[in-house]
């Protein structure tokens, strides 16, 4: 009997403590009269209505369900009145407004919303930084690669030791770069024929130029009071479909043999590469980067001088450089539309730059692959966000936009890859809001 009484007393005390805790919690979570929100007033009204309807017949169940749905949607709606005090309690959302998972994903959401150029700049910075960070590991790999290239019996090492290696790499690289941009041109042209807006069309410089020229023409008509043009039609009107310049197929017949034949004869008459390779040790990752960068800068400077003279001396321009400027709207194949003298000058400047710096043979291979891409991109007629003209900071790279301006108007941008010398002498187009300024902005 005593044990039963003890259990009853314990249960009584436990229930009393739970009740007091519940009351205290309710008072804690109940907003004060000075902070009553419209949501709380509406909630009490709906609750009272539902209590009143509970005494009615079953015919009012649909009405009750309607009120339940209203109450549910009201709970899911965020509160409009936000209290200034940080200690205030949100009746509908007692938990935190953002979960740890959302906070963790916020940087990725911000990364997704940045523009394309910034993304490619981050990728380029990551790639370059990784070269510096992992240079010791890369150096070990280059030692193994260099030993294999010097002593291997496979086809690639044997070809690497051959005298035709460097210009052979340049020809193969040109083939891939030129026809890669040809596929992009073809994709945009086929979409135009079908009346489809290709996603790459917005990057084509000729389409950008014609669209802006058409827009300015419509604005002039509007300013002159033309009845055929309304203000809201200026931005929505579609410009005529641009006609692409003819592809330079003649380079397979003229320019390619003209480039390869003299080098082929030179290599046959004076074999020298295998003996020179034996005197070189393995390169380093940072050494390769230094060789390629300095060679590109020196080549670009030498070409600037020759290119400027080709434009300023009428006789040289007519008989040497005019062939390269046949097309005002350039395409990738126009990179090899060169006269015989211009080919000798172009290749000669490149060889002199490499020899002056004393580039490692492996650096010269990377140089040939990179410079052929840069030359092709210069004439491709596209301005993709991953190209150096956007990725390289401070506007130091010329790229396709500047060189397209040079072909279209026949002046400025005499450098190929960089523009620091052009800016020094004022050979750049000012971004003054004109149509010419638009083409390089």
Protein backbone atom coordinates (compact mmCIF):
# COMPACT_ATOMS: atom_id res chain seq x y z
CA UNK A 1 0.00 0.00 0.00
CA UNK A 2 2.80 2.38 0.91
CA UNK A 3 4.56 1.64 -2.40
CA UNK A 4 1.37 2.45 -4.29
CA UNK A 5 1.05 5.73 -2.42
CA UNK A 6 4.66 6.63 -3.19
CA UNK A 7 4.14 5.92 -6.91
CA UNK A 8 1.01 8.08 -6.92
CA UNK A 9 2.84 10.96 -5.25
CA UNK A 10 5.73 10.67 -7.75
CA UNK A 11 3.33 10.64 -10.72
CA UNK A 12 1.47 13.66 -9.26
CA UNK A 13 4.69 15.63 -8.85
CA UNK A 14 5.88 14.63 -12.32
CA UNK A 15 2.64 15.71 -13.98
CA UNK A 16 2.70 18.99 -12.04
CA UNK A 17 6.28 19.72 -13.22
CA UNK A 18 5.41 18.88 -16.82
CA UNK A 19 2.38 21.17 -16.69
CA UNK A 20 4.39 24.05 -15.28
CA UNK A 21 7.08 23.52 -17.92
CA UNK A 22 4.45 23.52 -20.66
CA UNK A 23 2.93 26.77 -19.36
CA UNK A 24 6.35 28.40 -19.13
CA UNK A 25 7.21 27.31 -22.64
CA UNK A 26 3.91 28.60 -23.96
CA UNK A 27 4.48 31.98 -22.33
CA UNK A 28 7.98 32.09 -23.73
CA UNK A 29 6.86 31.42 -27.30
CA UNK A 30 3.80 33.67 -27.12
CA UNK A 31 4.47 37.11 -28.69
CA UNK A 32 3.70 40.12 -26.52
CA UNK A 33 0.74 42.38 -27.22
CA UNK A 34 3.04 45.03 -28.65
CA UNK A 35 4.41 42.62 -31.24
CA UNK A 36 1.20 40.91 -32.39
CA UNK A 37 1.55 40.17 -36.09
CA UNK A 38 -1.25 40.02 -38.67
CA UNK A 39 -0.46 36.34 -39.13
CA UNK A 40 -1.17 35.65 -35.44
CA UNK A 41 -4.47 37.55 -35.54
CA UNK A 42 -5.51 35.62 -38.66
CA UNK A 43 -4.49 32.33 -37.04
CA UNK A 44 -6.64 32.99 -33.95
CA UNK A 45 -9.59 33.93 -36.16
CA UNK A 46 -9.29 30.75 -38.21
CA UNK A 47 -8.94 28.68 -35.03
CA UNK A 48 -12.11 30.17 -33.50
CA UNK A 49 -14.04 29.65 -36.74
CA UNK A 50 -12.98 26.03 -36.86
CA UNK A 51 -14.12 25.49 -33.23
CA UNK A 52 -17.48 27.04 -34.08
CA UNK A 53 -17.95 24.86 -37.13
CA UNK A 54 -17.05 21.67 -35.25
CA UNK A 55 -20.54 21.69 -33.64
CA UNK A 56 -22.30 21.72 -37.00
CA UNK A 57 -23.24 18.76 -39.17
CA UNK A 58 -20.98 16.75 -41.45
CA UNK A 59 -22.12 18.79 -44.45
CA UNK A 60 -19.67 21.52 -43.43
CA UNK A 61 -16.55 19.29 -43.70
CA UNK A 62 -15.57 20.82 -47.04
CA UNK A 63 -15.67 24.28 -45.51
CA UNK A 64 -13.46 23.09 -42.65
CA UNK A 65 -10.97 21.62 -45.13
CA UNK A 66 -10.87 24.96 -46.93
CA UNK A 67 -9.94 26.71 -43.69
CA UNK A 68 -7.29 24.09 -42.97
CA UNK A 69 -5.72 24.74 -46.34
CA UNK A 70 -5.73 28.47 -45.64
CA UNK A 71 -4.10 27.86 -42.29
CA UNK A 72 -1.46 25.59 -43.86
CA UNK A 73 -0.58 28.15 -46.57
CA UNK A 74 -0.41 30.86 -43.92
CA UNK A 75 2.15 28.85 -41.93
CA UNK A 76 4.29 28.35 -45.02
CA UNK A 77 4.26 32.06 -45.88
CA UNK A 78 7.16 34.04 -44.40
CA UNK A 79 6.30 36.77 -41.96
CA UNK A 80 6.09 40.29 -43.37
CA UNK A 81 6.83 42.00 -40.04
CA UNK A 82 10.45 41.49 -39.02
CA UNK A 83 11.25 42.54 -35.50
CA UNK A 84 14.30 44.66 -34.96
CA UNK A 85 15.27 42.86 -31.79
CA UNK A 86 17.53 39.86 -32.28
CA UNK A 87 15.91 38.11 -29.27
CA UNK A 88 12.42 38.10 -30.79
CA UNK A 89 10.90 34.78 -31.76
CA UNK A 90 9.29 33.95 -35.10
CA UNK A 91 6.05 32.05 -34.37
CA UNK A 92 5.91 30.32 -37.75
CA UNK A 93 9.64 29.57 -38.17
CA UNK A 94 11.17 28.82 -34.77
CA UNK A 95 14.17 27.22 -36.45
CA UNK A 96 16.96 29.13 -38.20
CA UNK A 97 16.06 30.79 -41.50
CA UNK A 98 18.89 29.01 -43.38
CA UNK A 99 20.12 25.49 -42.79
CA UNK A 100 23.82 24.62 -42.52
CA UNK A 101 23.56 22.91 -45.90
CA UNK A 102 22.34 26.13 -47.52
CA UNK A 103 25.14 28.11 -45.89
CA UNK A 104 27.65 25.57 -47.17
CA UNK A 105 26.29 25.82 -50.72
CA UNK A 106 26.15 29.64 -50.85
CA UNK A 107 29.69 30.02 -52.32
CA UNK A 108 28.78 27.57 -55.09
CA UNK A 109 25.57 29.48 -55.83
CA UNK A 110 27.57 32.71 -56.10
CA UNK A 111 30.10 30.97 -58.37
CA UNK A 112 27.29 29.83 -60.64
CA UNK A 113 26.02 33.39 -61.05
CA UNK A 114 29.31 35.01 -62.13
CA UNK A 115 29.88 35.78 -65.80
CA UNK A 116 31.68 33.53 -68.25
CA UNK A 117 34.88 35.59 -68.49
CA UNK A 118 35.40 35.50 -64.72
CA UNK A 119 34.95 31.73 -64.69
CA UNK A 120 37.61 31.29 -67.37
CA UNK A 121 39.93 33.68 -65.55
CA UNK A 122 39.57 31.58 -62.41
CA UNK A 123 40.30 28.44 -64.44
CA UNK A 124 43.39 30.02 -66.02
CA UNK A 125 44.64 31.27 -62.65
CA UNK A 126 44.13 27.80 -61.18
CA UNK A 127 46.05 26.19 -64.04
CA UNK A 128 48.99 28.60 -63.83
CA UNK A 129 49.08 28.37 -60.04
CA UNK A 130 49.15 24.58 -60.25
CA UNK A 131 52.28 24.76 -62.42
CA UNK A 132 54.07 26.72 -59.71
CA UNK A 133 52.66 24.60 -56.90
CA UNK A 134 53.54 21.25 -58.48
CA UNK A 135 56.70 22.29 -60.31
CA UNK A 136 58.91 19.73 -58.44
CA UNK A 137 56.64 16.86 -59.47
CA UNK A 138 56.41 18.22 -63.01
CA UNK A 139 60.20 18.46 -63.20
CA UNK A 140 60.52 14.78 -62.30
CA UNK A 141 58.03 13.91 -65.04
CA UNK A 142 59.89 16.06 -67.56
CA UNK A 143 63.14 14.23 -66.76
CA UNK A 144 61.50 10.92 -67.61
CA UNK A 145 59.87 12.33 -70.76
CA UNK A 146 63.13 13.86 -71.95
CA UNK A 147 65.04 10.60 -71.43
CA UNK A 148 62.36 8.76 -73.41
CA UNK A 149 62.44 11.28 -76.26
CA UNK A 150 66.24 11.11 -76.49
CA UNK A 151 66.59 7.32 -76.34
CA UNK A 152 63.21 5.78 -77.13
CA UNK A 153 62.70 3.57 -80.16
CA UNK A 154 58.97 4.25 -80.59
CA UNK A 155 57.63 6.28 -83.50
CA UNK A 156 57.12 9.52 -81.55
CA UNK A 157 60.67 9.74 -80.08
CA UNK A 158 62.18 8.88 -83.45
CA UNK A 159 60.14 11.58 -85.13
CA UNK A 160 61.05 14.03 -82.35
CA UNK A 161 64.75 13.52 -83.16
CA UNK A 162 64.13 14.07 -86.89
CA UNK A 163 64.92 17.42 -88.55
CA UNK A 164 61.32 17.77 -89.84
CA UNK A 165 59.87 17.71 -86.32
CA UNK A 166 59.31 21.41 -85.62
CA UNK A 167 57.63 22.48 -88.84
CA UNK A 168 55.78 19.14 -88.94
CA UNK A 169 54.27 19.91 -85.51
CA UNK A 170 53.29 23.38 -86.75
CA UNK A 171 51.52 21.97 -89.83
CA UNK A 172 49.59 19.37 -87.83
CA UNK A 173 48.63 21.94 -85.18
CA UNK A 174 47.46 24.40 -87.85
CA UNK A 175 45.33 21.65 -89.39
CA UNK A 176 43.48 20.98 -86.13
CA UNK A 177 43.06 24.61 -85.08
CA UNK A 178 41.88 25.82 -88.51
CA UNK A 179 39.38 23.02 -89.03
CA UNK A 180 38.15 23.26 -85.46
CA UNK A 181 37.05 26.83 -86.09
CA UNK A 182 35.75 25.74 -89.50
CA UNK A 183 33.37 23.36 -87.72
CA UNK A 184 32.19 26.25 -85.53
CA UNK A 185 31.59 28.39 -88.63
CA UNK A 186 29.73 25.57 -90.32
CA UNK A 187 27.52 24.94 -87.29
CA UNK A 188 26.45 28.60 -87.13
CA UNK A 189 25.83 28.76 -90.90
CA UNK A 190 23.68 25.61 -90.91
CA UNK A 191 21.63 26.95 -88.01
CA UNK A 192 21.06 30.21 -89.92
CA UNK A 193 19.76 28.29 -92.92
CA UNK A 194 17.29 26.42 -90.69
CA UNK A 195 16.23 29.64 -88.96
CA UNK A 196 17.65 28.50 -85.61
CA UNK A 197 19.63 30.78 -83.31
CA UNK A 198 22.87 28.92 -82.62
CA UNK A 199 24.39 29.60 -79.16
CA UNK A 200 27.76 30.41 -80.76
CA UNK A 201 26.26 33.03 -83.08
CA UNK A 202 26.51 35.71 -80.38
CA UNK A 203 30.30 35.23 -80.40
CA UNK A 204 30.74 35.75 -84.15
CA UNK A 205 32.28 39.17 -84.76
CA UNK A 206 30.68 39.63 -88.16
CA UNK A 207 27.22 38.99 -86.70
CA UNK A 208 27.90 41.35 -83.79
CA UNK A 209 29.02 44.08 -86.17
CA UNK A 210 26.06 43.69 -88.56
CA UNK A 211 23.59 43.57 -85.68
CA UNK A 212 24.95 46.75 -84.12
CA UNK A 213 25.07 48.50 -87.51
CA UNK A 214 21.45 47.50 -88.16
CA UNK A 215 20.38 48.73 -84.70
CA UNK A 216 22.02 52.12 -85.23
CA UNK A 217 20.38 52.43 -88.64
CA UNK A 218 16.98 51.78 -87.06
CA UNK A 219 17.67 54.41 -84.41
CA UNK A 220 18.57 56.97 -87.07
CA UNK A 221 15.30 56.25 -88.87
CA UNK A 222 13.45 56.73 -85.59
CA UNK A 223 15.21 60.03 -84.90
CA UNK A 224 14.37 61.25 -88.41
CA UNK A 225 10.69 60.56 -87.77
CA UNK A 226 10.29 57.54 -90.00
CA UNK A 227 6.82 56.04 -89.69
CA UNK A 228 8.05 52.54 -90.55
CA UNK A 229 10.01 52.22 -87.28
CA UNK A 230 8.60 52.36 -83.77
CA UNK A 231 10.62 52.72 -80.57
CA UNK A 232 9.85 49.26 -79.19
CA UNK A 233 10.81 47.63 -82.52
CA UNK A 234 14.41 48.88 -82.49
CA UNK A 235 15.75 46.25 -80.10
CA UNK A 236 13.39 43.46 -81.21
CA UNK A 237 13.95 43.77 -84.95
CA UNK A 238 16.19 41.06 -86.36
CA UNK A 239 19.07 42.09 -88.62
CA UNK A 240 19.54 40.31 -91.95
CA UNK A 241 21.43 37.02 -91.86
CA UNK A 242 25.13 37.62 -92.49
CA UNK A 243 26.87 35.92 -95.39
CA UNK A 244 30.15 34.31 -94.42
CA UNK A 245 33.27 34.95 -96.46
CA UNK A 246 34.46 32.12 -98.68
CA UNK A 247 36.76 29.62 -97.04
CA UNK A 248 40.36 29.87 -98.23
CA UNK A 249 40.79 26.41 -99.74
CA UNK A 250 43.70 27.55 -101.87
CA UNK A 251 46.16 27.25 -98.98
CA UNK A 252 46.34 23.48 -99.60
CA UNK A 253 47.59 24.19 -103.12
CA UNK A 254 49.76 27.28 -102.67
CA UNK A 255 50.61 28.32 -99.10
CA UNK A 256 51.19 24.85 -97.61
CA UNK A 257 53.73 23.65 -100.21
CA UNK A 258 55.30 27.11 -100.17
CA UNK A 259 55.84 26.76 -96.43
CA UNK A 260 56.98 23.13 -96.30
CA UNK A 261 59.15 22.78 -99.40
CA UNK A 262 61.96 25.23 -98.47
CA UNK A 263 62.18 23.82 -94.93
CA UNK A 264 62.18 20.26 -96.25
CA UNK A 265 65.08 21.00 -98.62
CA UNK A 266 66.98 22.82 -95.85
CA UNK A 267 66.65 19.85 -93.49
CA UNK A 268 67.78 17.37 -96.14
CA UNK A 269 70.84 19.42 -97.04
CA UNK A 270 71.89 20.26 -93.47
CA UNK A 271 70.86 17.55 -90.96
CA UNK A 272 71.53 18.92 -87.48
CA UNK A 273 68.75 18.22 -84.96
CA UNK A 274 69.87 14.85 -83.54
CA UNK A 275 73.36 16.14 -82.71
CA UNK A 276 71.96 19.23 -80.98
CA UNK A 277 69.50 17.24 -78.87
CA UNK A 278 72.33 15.25 -77.32
CA UNK A 279 73.78 18.42 -75.77
CA UNK A 280 70.59 19.35 -73.92
CA UNK A 281 69.57 18.21 -70.46
CA UNK A 282 66.01 17.77 -69.19
CA UNK A 283 63.98 20.99 -68.98
CA UNK A 284 62.06 22.30 -65.99
CA UNK A 285 58.39 23.29 -65.89
CA UNK A 286 59.10 26.92 -65.05
CA UNK A 287 61.89 27.00 -67.63
CA UNK A 288 59.48 25.89 -70.36
CA UNK A 289 56.98 28.58 -69.31
CA UNK A 290 59.72 31.22 -69.37
CA UNK A 291 60.98 30.16 -72.83
CA UNK A 292 57.51 30.18 -74.39
CA UNK A 293 56.49 33.53 -72.85
CA UNK A 294 59.70 35.34 -73.81
CA UNK A 295 59.64 33.88 -77.33
CA UNK A 296 56.06 35.06 -77.87
CA UNK A 297 56.89 38.55 -76.60
CA UNK A 298 59.99 38.84 -78.78
CA UNK A 299 58.21 37.48 -81.87
CA UNK A 300 55.34 39.90 -81.31
CA UNK A 301 57.70 42.85 -81.08
CA UNK A 302 59.57 41.87 -84.25
CA UNK A 303 56.35 41.32 -86.15
CA UNK A 304 55.02 44.72 -85.01
CA UNK A 305 57.93 46.49 -86.72
CA UNK A 306 57.59 44.52 -89.97
CA UNK A 307 53.80 44.74 -89.99
CA UNK A 308 53.83 48.50 -89.46
CA UNK A 309 56.25 48.96 -92.38
CA UNK A 310 54.06 46.74 -94.59
CA UNK A 311 51.18 49.15 -94.05
CA UNK A 312 53.08 52.43 -94.22
CA UNK A 313 55.20 51.71 -97.34
CA UNK A 314 52.79 51.49 -100.32
CA UNK A 315 55.08 49.37 -102.49
CA UNK A 316 55.54 46.70 -99.79
CA UNK A 317 51.84 46.73 -98.96
CA UNK A 318 50.82 46.25 -102.57
CA UNK A 319 53.25 43.47 -103.47
CA UNK A 320 53.73 41.72 -100.11
CA UNK A 321 50.86 42.29 -97.66
CA UNK A 322 47.80 43.08 -99.79
CA UNK A 323 47.02 39.40 -100.36
CA UNK A 324 46.46 38.89 -96.64
CA UNK A 325 43.89 41.71 -96.59
CA UNK A 326 41.65 40.41 -99.39
CA UNK A 327 38.90 39.56 -96.89
CA UNK A 328 37.60 42.23 -94.54
CA UNK A 329 35.59 39.67 -92.54
CA UNK A 330 38.26 37.10 -91.74
CA UNK A 331 37.89 33.41 -91.04
CA UNK A 332 40.36 30.91 -89.60
CA UNK A 333 41.79 29.85 -92.96
CA UNK A 334 42.90 33.43 -93.66
CA UNK A 335 45.82 32.98 -91.28
CA UNK A 336 47.70 31.15 -94.06
CA UNK A 337 46.64 33.51 -96.85
CA UNK A 338 50.18 34.92 -97.24
CA UNK A 339 52.53 35.84 -100.04
CA UNK A 340 55.87 34.07 -100.37
CA UNK A 341 57.84 37.03 -98.97
CA UNK A 342 55.46 37.42 -96.05
CA UNK A 343 55.79 33.73 -95.18
CA UNK A 344 59.58 34.06 -95.10
CA UNK A 345 59.35 37.16 -92.90
CA UNK A 346 56.82 35.59 -90.52
CA UNK A 347 58.64 32.27 -90.09
CA UNK A 348 62.02 33.98 -89.98
CA UNK A 349 61.00 36.26 -87.08
CA UNK A 350 59.76 33.23 -85.15
CA UNK A 351 62.99 31.25 -85.67
CA UNK A 352 65.16 34.25 -84.74
CA UNK A 353 63.19 34.79 -81.53
CA UNK A 354 63.60 31.15 -80.49
CA UNK A 355 67.32 31.09 -81.29
CA UNK A 356 68.02 34.42 -79.58
CA UNK A 357 66.45 33.27 -76.32
CA UNK A 358 68.06 29.83 -76.57
CA UNK A 359 64.84 27.91 -76.05
CA UNK A 360 64.97 24.28 -75.03
CA UNK A 361 63.91 21.83 -77.81
CA UNK A 362 60.89 20.77 -75.76
CA UNK A 363 59.99 24.42 -75.20
CA UNK A 364 60.12 24.98 -78.95
CA UNK A 365 57.58 22.17 -79.40
CA UNK A 366 55.16 23.75 -76.93
CA UNK A 367 55.82 27.12 -78.55
CA UNK A 368 54.81 25.82 -81.99
CA UNK A 369 51.57 24.36 -80.64
CA UNK A 370 50.67 27.54 -78.73
CA UNK A 371 51.60 30.07 -81.42
CA UNK A 372 49.67 28.23 -84.12
CA UNK A 373 46.58 28.35 -81.91
CA UNK A 374 47.04 32.06 -81.18
CA UNK A 375 47.52 32.85 -84.86
CA UNK A 376 44.41 30.88 -85.82
CA UNK A 377 42.31 32.40 -83.02
CA UNK A 378 43.43 35.83 -84.23
CA UNK A 379 41.68 35.23 -87.57
CA UNK A 380 38.85 32.91 -86.49
CA UNK A 381 36.12 35.59 -86.51
CA UNK A 382 34.85 34.55 -83.06
CA UNK A 383 35.29 36.18 -79.65
CA UNK A 384 34.81 33.29 -77.26
CA UNK A 385 35.05 34.12 -73.52
CA UNK A 386 37.89 31.63 -72.99
CA UNK A 387 40.28 33.32 -75.44
CA UNK A 388 43.33 35.28 -74.19
CA UNK A 389 41.84 38.66 -75.11
CA UNK A 390 39.38 38.19 -72.23
CA UNK A 391 41.31 35.92 -69.87
CA UNK A 392 44.54 37.97 -69.80
CA UNK A 393 43.96 40.86 -67.37
CA UNK A 394 44.50 44.61 -67.87
CA UNK A 395 43.69 44.41 -71.60
CA UNK A 396 47.21 43.27 -72.52
CA UNK A 397 46.10 40.79 -75.20
CA UNK A 398 44.82 41.84 -78.62
CA UNK A 399 42.95 38.77 -79.80
CA UNK A 400 40.40 38.38 -82.54
CA UNK A 401 38.46 41.59 -81.80
CA UNK A 402 41.47 43.85 -82.34
CA UNK A 403 42.76 41.95 -85.37
CA UNK A 404 39.28 41.81 -86.89
CA UNK A 405 39.17 45.61 -86.56
CA UNK A 406 42.56 45.75 -88.31
CA UNK A 407 41.28 43.72 -91.27
CA UNK A 408 37.97 45.56 -91.47
CA UNK A 409 39.39 49.10 -91.42
CA UNK A 410 43.02 48.53 -92.44
CA UNK A 411 44.66 50.31 -89.51
CA UNK A 412 45.70 49.96 -85.83
CA UNK A 413 46.52 46.78 -83.90
CA UNK A 414 49.77 45.95 -85.66
CA UNK A 415 50.80 43.52 -82.93
CA UNK A 416 49.44 40.00 -83.12
CA UNK A 417 49.09 38.79 -79.55
CA UNK A 418 49.71 41.73 -77.22
CA UNK A 419 48.89 45.42 -77.45
CA UNK A 420 51.29 47.19 -75.08
CA UNK A 421 53.35 48.61 -77.98
CA UNK A 422 50.20 49.55 -79.92
CA UNK A 423 48.90 51.42 -76.88
CA UNK A 424 52.26 53.13 -76.41
CA UNK A 425 52.10 54.62 -79.93
CA UNK A 426 48.34 55.15 -79.98
CA UNK A 427 47.56 52.44 -82.54
CA UNK A 428 44.32 51.40 -80.85
CA UNK A 429 40.71 52.35 -81.38
CA UNK A 430 39.14 54.49 -78.66
CA UNK A 431 35.95 53.16 -77.09
CA UNK A 432 34.06 56.36 -77.87
CA UNK A 433 30.57 54.97 -78.45
CA UNK A 434 30.95 54.94 -82.23
CA UNK A 435 30.46 51.87 -84.40
CA UNK A 436 34.25 51.44 -84.64
CA UNK A 437 34.55 51.71 -80.89
CA UNK A 438 31.84 49.08 -80.47
CA UNK A 439 33.85 46.51 -82.43
CA UNK A 440 36.67 46.49 -79.87
CA UNK A 441 34.64 47.10 -76.70
